[in-house]
Amino acid sequence: MQQIRFGATGLKVSRLCMGTMTFGLQCEEAQSFAILDAAAHGGISFLDTADAYPVGGSLETVGRTEEIVGKWLRGRRNHFIVATKCFGRMGPEPWNQGNSRKHILDAIVASLRRLGTDYVDLYQLHQYDPGTPIDESLEALDTIVRSGKVRYVGCSNFLAYRVARALGRSEALCLHKFVSVQPRYNLLFRQPERELLPLCAEENLAVIPYNPLAGGLLTAKHDRSRPPAAGTRFTLGRVAQLYTERYWKEREFDTVDALADIARDAGVDLATLAVAWVLANPAITVPIIGASRPEQLRASLAAVEYALDPALKDRLDQLTAEYRMGDAAR
């Protein structure tokens, strides 16, 4: 597996990151372990999780994913780069969520306990919190870096102007800055190309996009004439509606059909082509891939070695150009 420099830092990470948000709800512990084993066997040494995972869960399941990852990491922590996030509701009290100083300081301690480690390599704000001044959040992140609990900090799902403002405030206050962003990005959602990715390129921020397969729609396995299959993102608890609104649309299915034809002509799996397209963007550092079964990783792993022909990339760009426009990322 190729290694790549992580933005402006001196850190090197694997060219793909293993996302874990299916662990603990879509996948039980044994299946999650098998997926992590397959990822490690494929050369992935970068793992991404969050305290509020598994996705689609409830207050009864929050933290379960980190616990599973922590159990799997025992005895091999030094062989992996571990990233996690905070923001989501972790308890019944009003201060059990968001990006306040209290919640960030509480959340990192809880995440370290669940992960069974003394530190995480990358700690990210999972969402922007309009109810907390950004200075307060940045100062709290700086505190946990200086304490040794965290090596680097980043953000996820921030609009470009909010990333820019956070960088400016960190510089003004002499605080540790974001070194990475984690946006949604794929052939069916290209809005980050307009402002966020140019900002990241200019500021040398690492970009670790999630959803490179659009929640599985870019595998071409879904049938629009039938309801979504059980156990997929489109039927999973609280996120079912979110993923349906994002991708389960006639326009998106028409595009997937056209993309599948292109992949077939090129002699490559559509999932491999979709991940390779993300990798081909020079602003992208490491796509985050996911799976609910170990064998699903094969197509994504193959993308690292797949040489995307420039003419083929142009066809993909032209076919999906309309997805550069639309509502702001969620």
C-alpha atoms as a PDB file:
ATOM      1  CA  MET A   1       0.000   0.000   0.000  1.00  0.00           C
ATOM      2  CA  GLN A   2       1.327   3.409  -0.988  1.00  0.00           C
ATOM      3  CA  GLN A   3       2.010   5.892   1.829  1.00  0.00           C
ATOM      4  CA  ILE A   4       1.345   9.610   1.456  1.00  0.00           C
ATOM      5  CA  ARG A   5       2.234  12.703   3.444  1.00  0.00           C
ATOM      6  CA  PHE A   6      -0.650  13.976   5.542  1.00  0.00           C
ATOM      7  CA  GLY A   7      -1.072  17.574   4.440  1.00  0.00           C
ATOM      8  CA  ALA A   8       1.540  19.953   5.844  1.00  0.00           C
ATOM      9  CA  THR A   9       2.524  17.556   8.642  1.00  0.00           C
ATOM     10  CA  GLY A  10       5.421  15.124   8.700  1.00  0.00           C
ATOM     11  CA  LEU A  11       3.027  12.216   9.160  1.00  0.00           C
ATOM     12  CA  LYS A  12       2.771   9.488   6.516  1.00  0.00           C
ATOM     13  CA  VAL A  13      -0.480   7.511   6.147  1.00  0.00           C
ATOM     14  CA  SER A  14      -1.760   4.737   3.922  1.00  0.00           C
ATOM     15  CA  ARG A  15      -3.401   5.887   0.676  1.00  0.00           C
ATOM     16  CA  LEU A  16      -6.750   4.541   1.875  1.00  0.00           C
ATOM     17  CA  CYS A  17      -8.371   4.914   5.288  1.00  0.00           C
ATOM     18  CA  MET A  18     -10.683   2.308   6.822  1.00  0.00           C
ATOM     19  CA  GLY A  19     -13.936   3.857   7.970  1.00  0.00           C
ATOM     20  CA  THR A  20     -15.663   2.072  10.839  1.00  0.00           C
ATOM     21  CA  MET A  21     -19.116   3.618  11.168  1.00  0.00           C
ATOM     22  CA  THR A  22     -20.848   0.318  10.315  1.00  0.00           C
ATOM     23  CA  PHE A  23     -19.243  -1.457  13.282  1.00  0.00           C
ATOM     24  CA  GLY A  24     -21.608  -2.246  16.110  1.00  0.00           C
ATOM     25  CA  LEU A  25     -24.939  -1.999  14.268  1.00  0.00           C
ATOM     26  CA  GLN A  26     -24.647  -3.147  10.653  1.00  0.00           C
ATOM     27  CA  CYS A  27     -21.734  -5.366  11.683  1.00  0.00           C
ATOM     28  CA  GLU A  28     -21.357  -7.230  14.949  1.00  0.00           C
ATOM     29  CA  GLU A  29     -17.975  -7.471  16.636  1.00  0.00           C
ATOM     30  CA  ALA A  30     -16.753 -10.639  14.886  1.00  0.00           C
ATOM     31  CA  GLN A  31     -17.665  -9.272  11.451  1.00  0.00           C
ATOM     32  CA  SER A  32     -16.044  -5.933  12.306  1.00  0.00           C
ATOM     33  CA  PHE A  33     -12.851  -7.733  13.291  1.00  0.00           C
ATOM     34  CA  ALA A  34     -12.888  -9.626   9.988  1.00  0.00           C
ATOM     35  CA  ILE A  35     -13.237  -6.348   8.060  1.00  0.00           C
ATOM     36  CA  LEU A  36     -10.353  -4.779   9.998  1.00  0.00           C
ATOM     37  CA  ASP A  37      -8.243  -7.899   9.377  1.00  0.00           C
ATOM     38  CA  ALA A  38      -8.944  -7.648   5.642  1.00  0.00           C
ATOM     39  CA  ALA A  39      -8.109  -3.937   5.620  1.00  0.00           C
ATOM     40  CA  ALA A  40      -4.830  -4.523   7.440  1.00  0.00           C
ATOM     41  CA  HIS A  41      -3.983  -7.398   5.098  1.00  0.00           C
ATOM     42  CA  GLY A  42      -4.591  -5.012   2.192  1.00  0.00           C
ATOM     43  CA  GLY A  43      -2.081  -2.544   3.616  1.00  0.00           C
ATOM     44  CA  ILE A  44      -4.416  -0.044   5.273  1.00  0.00           C
ATOM     45  CA  SER A  45      -2.891   1.375   8.445  1.00  0.00           C
ATOM     46  CA  PHE A  46      -5.149   4.422   8.900  1.00  0.00           C
ATOM     47  CA  LEU A  47      -8.431   3.948  10.804  1.00  0.00           C
ATOM     48  CA  ASP A  48     -11.217   6.507  11.206  1.00  0.00           C
ATOM     49  CA  THR A  49     -14.000   6.350  13.775  1.00  0.00           C
ATOM     50  CA  ALA A  50     -16.143   8.656  15.941  1.00  0.00           C
ATOM     51  CA  ASP A  51     -17.492   8.605  19.471  1.00  0.00           C
ATOM     52  CA  ALA A  52     -21.119   8.769  18.263  1.00  0.00           C
ATOM     53  CA  TYR A  53     -20.783   5.712  15.973  1.00  0.00           C
ATOM     54  CA  PRO A  54     -22.261   3.313  14.952  1.00  0.00           C
ATOM     55  CA  VAL A  55     -24.116   5.367  12.369  1.00  0.00           C
ATOM     56  CA  GLY A  56     -27.860   4.983  12.613  1.00  0.00           C
ATOM     57  CA  GLY A  57     -27.725   4.088  16.293  1.00  0.00           C
ATOM     58  CA  SER A  58     -29.085   5.732  19.425  1.00  0.00           C
ATOM     59  CA  LEU A  59     -27.899   6.803  22.873  1.00  0.00           C
ATOM     60  CA  GLU A  60     -27.861   3.117  23.761  1.00  0.00           C
ATOM     61  CA  THR A  61     -25.282   2.356  21.038  1.00  0.00           C
ATOM     62  CA  VAL A  62     -23.003   5.429  21.038  1.00  0.00           C
ATOM     63  CA  GLY A  63     -19.404   4.490  21.749  1.00  0.00           C
ATOM     64  CA  ARG A  64     -19.835   0.902  20.621  1.00  0.00           C
ATOM     65  CA  THR A  65     -17.747   1.385  17.470  1.00  0.00           C
ATOM     66  CA  GLU A  66     -14.790   2.829  19.362  1.00  0.00           C
ATOM     67  CA  GLU A  67     -14.985  -0.096  21.786  1.00  0.00           C
ATOM     68  CA  ILE A  68     -14.821  -2.583  18.905  1.00  0.00           C
ATOM     69  CA  VAL A  69     -11.887  -0.763  17.294  1.00  0.00           C
ATOM     70  CA  GLY A  70     -10.145  -0.602  20.671  1.00  0.00           C
ATOM     71  CA  LYS A  71     -10.498  -4.346  21.243  1.00  0.00           C
ATOM     72  CA  TRP A  72      -9.119  -5.090  17.780  1.00  0.00           C
ATOM     73  CA  LEU A  73      -6.172  -2.718  18.301  1.00  0.00           C
ATOM     74  CA  ARG A  74      -4.925  -4.422  21.458  1.00  0.00           C
ATOM     75  CA  GLY A  75      -1.317  -5.433  20.991  1.00  0.00           C
ATOM     76  CA  ARG A  76      -0.970  -3.601  17.661  1.00  0.00           C
ATOM     77  CA  ARG A  77      -1.727   0.051  18.449  1.00  0.00           C
ATOM     78  CA  ASN A  78       1.714   1.196  17.297  1.00  0.00           C
ATOM     79  CA  HIS A  79       1.090  -0.185  13.808  1.00  0.00           C
ATOM     80  CA  PHE A  80      -1.898   2.053  13.077  1.00  0.00           C
ATOM     81  CA  ILE A  81      -2.826   5.711  12.740  1.00  0.00           C
ATOM     82  CA  VAL A  82      -6.095   6.235  14.621  1.00  0.00           C
ATOM     83  CA  ALA A  83      -8.521   9.101  14.059  1.00  0.00           C
ATOM     84  CA  THR A  84     -11.739   9.806  15.930  1.00  0.00           C
ATOM     85  CA  LYS A  85     -14.226  12.663  16.281  1.00  0.00           C
ATOM     86  CA  CYS A  86     -16.508  14.429  18.720  1.00  0.00           C
ATOM     87  CA  PHE A  87     -19.672  16.540  18.444  1.00  0.00           C
ATOM     88  CA  GLY A  88     -22.595  14.110  18.498  1.00  0.00           C
ATOM     89  CA  ARG A  89     -24.890  13.556  21.473  1.00  0.00           C
ATOM     90  CA  MET A  90     -23.307  11.123  23.926  1.00  0.00           C
ATOM     91  CA  GLY A  91     -25.713  11.384  26.837  1.00  0.00           C
ATOM     92  CA  PRO A  92     -28.986  12.899  28.057  1.00  0.00           C
ATOM     93  CA  GLU A  93     -27.613  16.190  29.398  1.00  0.00           C
ATOM     94  CA  PRO A  94     -27.473  19.301  27.191  1.00  0.00           C
ATOM     95  CA  TRP A  95     -23.685  19.506  27.630  1.00  0.00           C
ATOM     96  CA  ASN A  96     -23.201  15.946  26.320  1.00  0.00           C
ATOM     97  CA  GLN A  97     -22.845  17.157  22.729  1.00  0.00           C
ATOM     98  CA  GLY A  98     -21.372  19.955  20.628  1.00  0.00           C
ATOM     99  CA  ASN A  99     -17.980  21.628  20.507  1.00  0.00           C
ATOM    100  CA  SER A 100     -17.890  23.343  23.887  1.00  0.00           C
ATOM    101  CA  ARG A 101     -14.722  23.177  25.935  1.00  0.00           C
ATOM    102  CA  LYS A 102     -16.478  20.952  28.465  1.00  0.00           C
ATOM    103  CA  HIS A 103     -17.721  18.474  25.900  1.00  0.00           C
ATOM    104  CA  ILE A 104     -14.424  18.279  23.992  1.00  0.00           C
ATOM    105  CA  LEU A 105     -12.411  17.677  27.177  1.00  0.00           C
ATOM    106  CA  ASP A 106     -14.917  15.084  28.397  1.00  0.00           C
ATOM    107  CA  ALA A 107     -15.228  13.426  24.986  1.00  0.00           C
ATOM    108  CA  ILE A 108     -11.519  12.827  24.406  1.00  0.00           C
ATOM    109  CA  VAL A 109     -11.126  11.133  27.791  1.00  0.00           C
ATOM    110  CA  ALA A 110     -14.078   8.851  27.050  1.00  0.00           C
ATOM    111  CA  SER A 111     -12.809   8.055  23.543  1.00  0.00           C
ATOM    112  CA  LEU A 112      -9.358   7.143  24.825  1.00  0.00           C
ATOM    113  CA  ARG A 113     -10.929   4.810  27.385  1.00  0.00           C
ATOM    114  CA  ARG A 114     -13.060   3.070  24.753  1.00  0.00           C
ATOM    115  CA  LEU A 115     -10.178   2.832  22.288  1.00  0.00           C
ATOM    116  CA  GLY A 116      -7.826   1.500  24.957  1.00  0.00           C
ATOM    117  CA  THR A 117      -5.063   3.946  24.090  1.00  0.00           C
ATOM    118  CA  ASP A 118      -3.228   6.896  25.638  1.00  0.00           C
ATOM    119  CA  TYR A 119      -3.600   9.087  22.563  1.00  0.00           C
ATOM    120  CA  VAL A 120      -5.230   9.413  19.155  1.00  0.00           C
ATOM    121  CA  ASP A 121      -3.304  10.571  16.125  1.00  0.00           C
ATOM    122  CA  LEU A 122      -6.066  12.775  14.700  1.00  0.00           C
ATOM    123  CA  TYR A 123      -8.969  14.312  16.623  1.00  0.00           C
ATOM    124  CA  GLN A 124     -11.692  15.991  14.575  1.00  0.00           C
ATOM    125  CA  LEU A 125     -14.713  18.169  15.200  1.00  0.00           C
ATOM    126  CA  HIS A 126     -17.413  16.056  13.547  1.00  0.00           C
ATOM    127  CA  GLN A 127     -19.698  18.991  12.744  1.00  0.00           C
ATOM    128  CA  TYR A 128     -19.683  22.758  13.064  1.00  0.00           C
ATOM    129  CA  ASP A 129     -21.373  23.909  16.276  1.00  0.00           C
ATOM    130  CA  PRO A 130     -23.169  27.257  15.808  1.00  0.00           C
ATOM    131  CA  GLY A 131     -23.837  27.383  19.546  1.00  0.00           C
ATOM    132  CA  THR A 132     -20.165  27.518  20.554  1.00  0.00           C
ATOM    133  CA  PRO A 133     -17.664  30.265  19.660  1.00  0.00           C
ATOM    134  CA  ILE A 134     -15.005  28.799  17.406  1.00  0.00           C
ATOM    135  CA  ASP A 135     -12.286  30.261  19.654  1.00  0.00           C
ATOM    136  CA  GLU A 136     -13.558  28.146  22.553  1.00  0.00           C
ATOM    137  CA  SER A 137     -13.452  24.963  20.448  1.00  0.00           C
ATOM    138  CA  LEU A 138      -9.991  25.711  19.079  1.00  0.00           C
ATOM    139  CA  GLU A 139      -8.601  26.489  22.533  1.00  0.00           C
ATOM    140  CA  ALA A 140      -9.990  23.192  23.840  1.00  0.00           C
ATOM    141  CA  LEU A 141      -8.388  21.300  20.944  1.00  0.00           C
ATOM    142  CA  ASP A 142      -5.095  23.069  21.636  1.00  0.00           C
ATOM    143  CA  THR A 143      -5.338  21.991  25.278  1.00  0.00           C
ATOM    144  CA  ILE A 144      -5.660  18.308  24.427  1.00  0.00           C
ATOM    145  CA  VAL A 145      -2.804  18.481  21.927  1.00  0.00           C
ATOM    146  CA  ARG A 146      -0.539  20.049  24.536  1.00  0.00           C
ATOM    147  CA  SER A 147      -1.653  17.433  27.068  1.00  0.00           C
ATOM    148  CA  GLY A 148      -0.415  14.644  24.792  1.00  0.00           C
ATOM    149  CA  LYS A 149      -3.839  13.066  24.318  1.00  0.00           C
ATOM    150  CA  VAL A 150      -3.937  14.103  20.647  1.00  0.00           C
ATOM    151  CA  ARG A 151      -1.240  14.491  17.981  1.00  0.00           C
ATOM    152  CA  TYR A 152      -3.141  16.497  15.316  1.00  0.00           C
ATOM    153  CA  VAL A 153      -6.553  18.124  14.991  1.00  0.00           C
ATOM    154  CA  GLY A 154      -8.964  18.502  12.083  1.00  0.00           C
ATOM    155  CA  CYS A 155     -12.614  18.986  11.201  1.00  0.00           C
ATOM    156  CA  SER A 156     -15.381  17.248   9.301  1.00  0.00           C
ATOM    157  CA  ASN A 157     -18.419  18.662   7.489  1.00  0.00           C
ATOM    158  CA  PHE A 158     -17.232  22.283   7.771  1.00  0.00           C
ATOM    159  CA  LEU A 159     -18.035  24.728   4.988  1.00  0.00           C
ATOM    160  CA  ALA A 160     -15.010  26.323   3.346  1.00  0.00           C
ATOM    161  CA  TYR A 161     -15.452  29.753   4.921  1.00  0.00           C
ATOM    162  CA  ARG A 162     -15.674  28.166   8.381  1.00  0.00           C
ATOM    163  CA  VAL A 163     -12.454  26.235   7.795  1.00  0.00           C
ATOM    164  CA  ALA A 164     -10.768  29.444   6.643  1.00  0.00           C
ATOM    165  CA  ARG A 165     -12.018  31.344   9.681  1.00  0.00           C
ATOM    166  CA  ALA A 166     -10.859  28.591  12.047  1.00  0.00           C
ATOM    167  CA  LEU A 167      -7.383  28.641  10.497  1.00  0.00           C
ATOM    168  CA  GLY A 168      -7.233  32.411  10.864  1.00  0.00           C
ATOM    169  CA  ARG A 169      -8.357  32.355  14.490  1.00  0.00           C
ATOM    170  CA  SER A 170      -5.836  29.629  15.331  1.00  0.00           C
ATOM    171  CA  GLU A 171      -3.058  31.727  13.843  1.00  0.00           C
ATOM    172  CA  ALA A 172      -4.214  34.859  15.672  1.00  0.00           C
ATOM    173  CA  LEU A 173      -4.428  33.029  19.007  1.00  0.00           C
ATOM    174  CA  CYS A 174      -1.230  30.962  18.475  1.00  0.00           C
ATOM    175  CA  LEU A 175      -3.115  27.674  18.728  1.00  0.00           C
ATOM    176  CA  HIS A 176      -2.618  24.339  16.990  1.00  0.00           C
ATOM    177  CA  LYS A 177      -4.411  24.531  13.645  1.00  0.00           C
ATOM    178  CA  PHE A 178      -6.547  22.092  11.727  1.00  0.00           C
ATOM    179  CA  VAL A 179      -4.312  19.908   9.578  1.00  0.00           C
ATOM    180  CA  SER A 180      -7.152  18.110   7.789  1.00  0.00           C
ATOM    181  CA  VAL A 181     -10.743  18.249   6.656  1.00  0.00           C
ATOM    182  CA  GLN A 182     -13.175  15.381   6.148  1.00  0.00           C
ATOM    183  CA  PRO A 183     -15.911  16.257   3.632  1.00  0.00           C
ATOM    184  CA  ARG A 184     -18.420  14.151   1.759  1.00  0.00           C
ATOM    185  CA  TYR A 185     -17.133  13.728  -1.795  1.00  0.00           C
ATOM    186  CA  ASN A 186     -17.886  11.372  -4.677  1.00  0.00           C
ATOM    187  CA  LEU A 187     -19.043  11.295  -8.302  1.00  0.00           C
ATOM    188  CA  LEU A 188     -22.581  12.142  -7.170  1.00  0.00           C
ATOM    189  CA  PHE A 189     -21.543  14.921  -4.779  1.00  0.00           C
ATOM    190  CA  ARG A 190     -18.836  17.216  -6.140  1.00  0.00           C
ATOM    191  CA  GLN A 191     -19.674  20.483  -4.398  1.00  0.00           C
ATOM    192  CA  PRO A 192     -16.398  20.563  -2.397  1.00  0.00           C
ATOM    193  CA  GLU A 193     -14.599  21.235  -5.698  1.00  0.00           C
ATOM    194  CA  ARG A 194     -16.033  24.748  -5.797  1.00  0.00           C
ATOM    195  CA  GLU A 195     -14.491  26.251  -2.649  1.00  0.00           C
ATOM    196  CA  LEU A 196     -13.357  23.704  -0.064  1.00  0.00           C
ATOM    197  CA  LEU A 197     -10.844  21.731  -2.133  1.00  0.00           C
ATOM    198  CA  PRO A 198      -9.161  24.857  -3.565  1.00  0.00           C
ATOM    199  CA  LEU A 199      -8.832  26.202  -0.016  1.00  0.00           C
ATOM    200  CA  CYS A 200      -7.318  22.915   1.167  1.00  0.00           C
ATOM    201  CA  ALA A 201      -4.835  22.894  -1.708  1.00  0.00           C
ATOM    202  CA  GLU A 202      -3.781  26.464  -0.981  1.00  0.00           C
ATOM    203  CA  GLU A 203      -3.438  25.852   2.776  1.00  0.00           C
ATOM    204  CA  ASN A 204      -1.904  22.374   2.328  1.00  0.00           C
ATOM    205  CA  LEU A 205      -4.623  20.702   4.371  1.00  0.00           C
ATOM    206  CA  ALA A 206      -5.040  16.948   4.156  1.00  0.00           C
ATOM    207  CA  VAL A 207      -8.402  15.940   2.674  1.00  0.00           C
ATOM    208  CA  ILE A 208      -9.894  12.626   3.809  1.00  0.00           C
ATOM    209  CA  PRO A 209     -13.301  12.392   2.092  1.00  0.00           C
ATOM    210  CA  TYR A 210     -16.003  10.004   3.184  1.00  0.00           C
ATOM    211  CA  ASN A 211     -18.760   8.379   1.104  1.00  0.00           C
ATOM    212  CA  PRO A 212     -16.597   7.770  -2.012  1.00  0.00           C
ATOM    213  CA  LEU A 213     -19.186   5.157  -3.055  1.00  0.00           C
ATOM    214  CA  ALA A 214     -22.197   7.362  -2.206  1.00  0.00           C
ATOM    215  CA  GLY A 215     -23.432   5.062   0.512  1.00  0.00           C
ATOM    216  CA  GLY A 216     -23.137   2.071  -1.821  1.00  0.00           C
ATOM    217  CA  LEU A 217     -25.105   3.531  -4.726  1.00  0.00           C
ATOM    218  CA  LEU A 218     -21.906   3.662  -6.810  1.00  0.00           C
ATOM    219  CA  THR A 219     -21.566  -0.101  -6.612  1.00  0.00           C
ATOM    220  CA  ALA A 220     -24.601  -0.366  -8.962  1.00  0.00           C
ATOM    221  CA  LYS A 221     -26.043  -3.074  -6.703  1.00  0.00           C
ATOM    222  CA  HIS A 222     -29.257  -1.215  -5.853  1.00  0.00           C
ATOM    223  CA  ASP A 223     -32.469  -1.596  -7.854  1.00  0.00           C
ATOM    224  CA  ARG A 224     -34.531   1.579  -8.111  1.00  0.00           C
ATOM    225  CA  SER A 225     -37.695  -0.427  -8.813  1.00  0.00           C
ATOM    226  CA  ARG A 226     -37.583  -1.980  -5.353  1.00  0.00           C
ATOM    227  CA  PRO A 227     -37.347  -0.592  -1.831  1.00  0.00           C
ATOM    228  CA  PRO A 228     -33.804  -0.388  -0.432  1.00  0.00           C
ATOM    229  CA  ALA A 229     -32.510  -3.699   0.848  1.00  0.00           C
ATOM    230  CA  ALA A 230     -32.484  -4.273   4.601  1.00  0.00           C
ATOM    231  CA  GLY A 231     -29.158  -3.705   6.315  1.00  0.00           C
ATOM    232  CA  THR A 232     -28.003  -0.962   3.948  1.00  0.00           C
ATOM    233  CA  ARG A 233     -27.475   2.727   4.756  1.00  0.00           C
ATOM    234  CA  PHE A 234     -30.843   3.433   3.139  1.00  0.00           C
ATOM    235  CA  THR A 235     -32.703   1.429   5.789  1.00  0.00           C
ATOM    236  CA  LEU A 236     -30.440   1.974   8.789  1.00  0.00           C
ATOM    237  CA  GLY A 237     -32.120   3.610  11.756  1.00  0.00           C
ATOM    238  CA  ARG A 238     -31.812   7.383  12.014  1.00  0.00           C
ATOM    239  CA  VAL A 239     -29.652   7.758   8.888  1.00  0.00           C
ATOM    240  CA  ALA A 240     -32.010   5.994   6.485  1.00  0.00           C
ATOM    241  CA  GLN A 241     -33.823   9.202   5.629  1.00  0.00           C
ATOM    242  CA  LEU A 242     -30.553  11.140   5.323  1.00  0.00           C
ATOM    243  CA  TYR A 243     -29.048   8.698   2.816  1.00  0.00           C
ATOM    244  CA  THR A 244     -32.306   8.399   0.917  1.00  0.00           C
ATOM    245  CA  GLU A 245     -32.472  12.167   0.536  1.00  0.00           C
ATOM    246  CA  ARG A 246     -28.850  12.297  -0.554  1.00  0.00           C
ATOM    247  CA  TYR A 247     -28.787   9.581  -3.171  1.00  0.00           C
ATOM    248  CA  TRP A 248     -32.015   7.589  -3.720  1.00  0.00           C
ATOM    249  CA  LYS A 249     -33.244   9.694  -6.625  1.00  0.00           C
ATOM    250  CA  GLU A 250     -34.048   9.080 -10.271  1.00  0.00           C
ATOM    251  CA  ARG A 251     -31.329  11.436 -11.477  1.00  0.00           C
ATOM    252  CA  GLU A 252     -28.690   9.661  -9.386  1.00  0.00           C
ATOM    253  CA  PHE A 253     -29.829   6.229 -10.576  1.00  0.00           C
ATOM    254  CA  ASP A 254     -29.692   7.412 -14.200  1.00  0.00           C
ATOM    255  CA  THR A 255     -26.138   8.604 -13.608  1.00  0.00           C
ATOM    256  CA  VAL A 256     -25.133   5.338 -11.963  1.00  0.00           C
ATOM    257  CA  ASP A 257     -26.505   3.412 -14.948  1.00  0.00           C
ATOM    258  CA  ALA A 258     -24.385   5.543 -17.296  1.00  0.00           C
ATOM    259  CA  LEU A 259     -21.333   5.152 -15.053  1.00  0.00           C
ATOM    260  CA  ALA A 260     -21.834   1.387 -14.945  1.00  0.00           C
ATOM    261  CA  ASP A 261     -21.805   1.305 -18.752  1.00  0.00           C
ATOM    262  CA  ILE A 262     -18.540   3.252 -18.797  1.00  0.00           C
ATOM    263  CA  ALA A 263     -16.996   0.939 -16.197  1.00  0.00           C
ATOM    264  CA  ARG A 264     -18.114  -2.099 -18.175  1.00  0.00           C
ATOM    265  CA  ASP A 265     -16.540  -0.732 -21.357  1.00  0.00           C
ATOM    266  CA  ALA A 266     -13.330  -0.028 -19.436  1.00  0.00           C
ATOM    267  CA  GLY A 267     -13.301  -3.526 -17.956  1.00  0.00           C
ATOM    268  CA  VAL A 268     -13.252  -2.339 -14.356  1.00  0.00           C
ATOM    269  CA  ASP A 269     -15.598  -2.658 -11.392  1.00  0.00           C
ATOM    270  CA  LEU A 270     -17.669   0.509 -10.928  1.00  0.00           C
ATOM    271  CA  ALA A 271     -16.689   0.711  -7.240  1.00  0.00           C
ATOM    272  CA  THR A 272     -13.012   0.587  -8.208  1.00  0.00           C
ATOM    273  CA  LEU A 273     -13.560   3.283 -10.819  1.00  0.00           C
ATOM    274  CA  ALA A 274     -15.440   5.510  -8.376  1.00  0.00           C
ATOM    275  CA  VAL A 275     -12.712   5.345  -5.725  1.00  0.00           C
ATOM    276  CA  ALA A 276      -9.991   5.769  -8.365  1.00  0.00           C
ATOM    277  CA  TRP A 277     -11.749   8.932  -9.568  1.00  0.00           C
ATOM    278  CA  VAL A 278     -11.612  10.363  -6.029  1.00  0.00           C
ATOM    279  CA  LEU A 279      -7.941   9.406  -5.723  1.00  0.00           C
ATOM    280  CA  ALA A 280      -7.168  11.112  -9.044  1.00  0.00           C
ATOM    281  CA  ASN A 281      -8.031  14.557  -7.671  1.00  0.00           C
ATOM    282  CA  PRO A 282      -4.710  16.106  -6.573  1.00  0.00           C
ATOM    283  CA  ALA A 283      -6.421  17.821  -3.632  1.00  0.00           C
ATOM    284  CA  ILE A 284      -7.431  14.471  -2.133  1.00  0.00           C
ATOM    285  CA  THR A 285      -5.092  12.839   0.362  1.00  0.00           C
ATOM    286  CA  VAL A 286      -6.851   9.675   1.541  1.00  0.00           C
ATOM    287  CA  PRO A 287     -10.411   8.513   0.774  1.00  0.00           C
ATOM    288  CA  ILE A 288     -12.219   6.789   3.633  1.00  0.00           C
ATOM    289  CA  ILE A 289     -13.652   3.477   2.469  1.00  0.00           C
ATOM    290  CA  GLY A 290     -16.265   1.422   4.281  1.00  0.00           C
ATOM    291  CA  ALA A 291     -17.673  -2.067   4.268  1.00  0.00           C
ATOM    292  CA  SER A 292     -20.214  -4.288   5.968  1.00  0.00           C
ATOM    293  CA  ARG A 293     -18.444  -7.461   4.758  1.00  0.00           C
ATOM    294  CA  PRO A 294     -14.705  -8.123   4.266  1.00  0.00           C
ATOM    295  CA  GLU A 295     -15.088  -9.046   0.594  1.00  0.00           C
ATOM    296  CA  GLN A 296     -16.518  -5.608  -0.163  1.00  0.00           C
ATOM    297  CA  LEU A 297     -13.055  -4.119   0.375  1.00  0.00           C
ATOM    298  CA  ARG A 298     -11.547  -5.758  -2.707  1.00  0.00           C
ATOM    299  CA  ALA A 299     -12.927  -3.268  -5.224  1.00  0.00           C
ATOM    300  CA  SER A 300     -11.869  -0.250  -3.164  1.00  0.00           C
ATOM    301  CA  LEU A 301      -8.389  -1.647  -2.485  1.00  0.00           C
ATOM    302  CA  ALA A 302      -7.963  -2.260  -6.221  1.00  0.00           C
ATOM    303  CA  ALA A 303      -8.444   1.472  -6.870  1.00  0.00           C
ATOM    304  CA  VAL A 304      -5.014   2.284  -5.435  1.00  0.00           C
ATOM    305  CA  GLU A 305      -3.321   0.288  -8.188  1.00  0.00           C
ATOM    306  CA  TYR A 306      -5.764   1.216 -10.950  1.00  0.00           C
ATOM    307  CA  ALA A 307      -4.321   3.685 -13.465  1.00  0.00           C
ATOM    308  CA  LEU A 308      -7.203   5.982 -14.398  1.00  0.00           C
ATOM    309  CA  ASP A 309      -6.738   7.031 -18.014  1.00  0.00           C
ATOM    310  CA  PRO A 310      -7.005  10.847 -18.419  1.00  0.00           C
ATOM    311  CA  ALA A 311      -9.536  10.461 -21.224  1.00  0.00           C
ATOM    312  CA  LEU A 312     -11.657   8.183 -19.055  1.00  0.00           C
ATOM    313  CA  LYS A 313     -11.458  10.656 -16.170  1.00  0.00           C
ATOM    314  CA  ASP A 314     -12.633  13.409 -18.508  1.00  0.00           C
ATOM    315  CA  ARG A 315     -15.671  11.306 -19.438  1.00  0.00           C
ATOM    316  CA  LEU A 316     -16.498  10.817 -15.775  1.00  0.00           C
ATOM    317  CA  ASP A 317     -16.018  14.521 -15.064  1.00  0.00           C
ATOM    318  CA  GLN A 318     -18.303  15.544 -17.909  1.00  0.00           C
ATOM    319  CA  LEU A 319     -20.999  13.013 -17.042  1.00  0.00           C
ATOM    320  CA  THR A 320     -21.168  14.162 -13.415  1.00  0.00           C
ATOM    321  CA  ALA A 321     -20.493  17.882 -13.885  1.00  0.00           C
ATOM    322  CA  GLU A 322     -23.980  18.825 -12.655  1.00  0.00           C
ATOM    323  CA  TYR A 323     -23.147  17.400  -9.206  1.00  0.00           C
ATOM    324  CA  ARG A 324     -20.727  20.274  -8.594  1.00  0.00           C
ATOM    325  CA  MET A 325     -23.775  22.451  -7.923  1.00  0.00           C
ATOM    326  CA  GLY A 326     -26.561  22.214  -5.348  1.00  0.00           C
ATOM    327  CA  ASP A 327     -27.213  22.641  -1.647  1.00  0.00           C
ATOM    328  CA  ALA A 328     -24.366  23.016   0.862  1.00  0.00           C
ATOM    329  CA  ALA A 329     -22.842  19.796   2.255  1.00  0.00           C
ATOM    330  CA  ARG A 330     -24.474  18.289   5.302  1.00  0.00           C
END
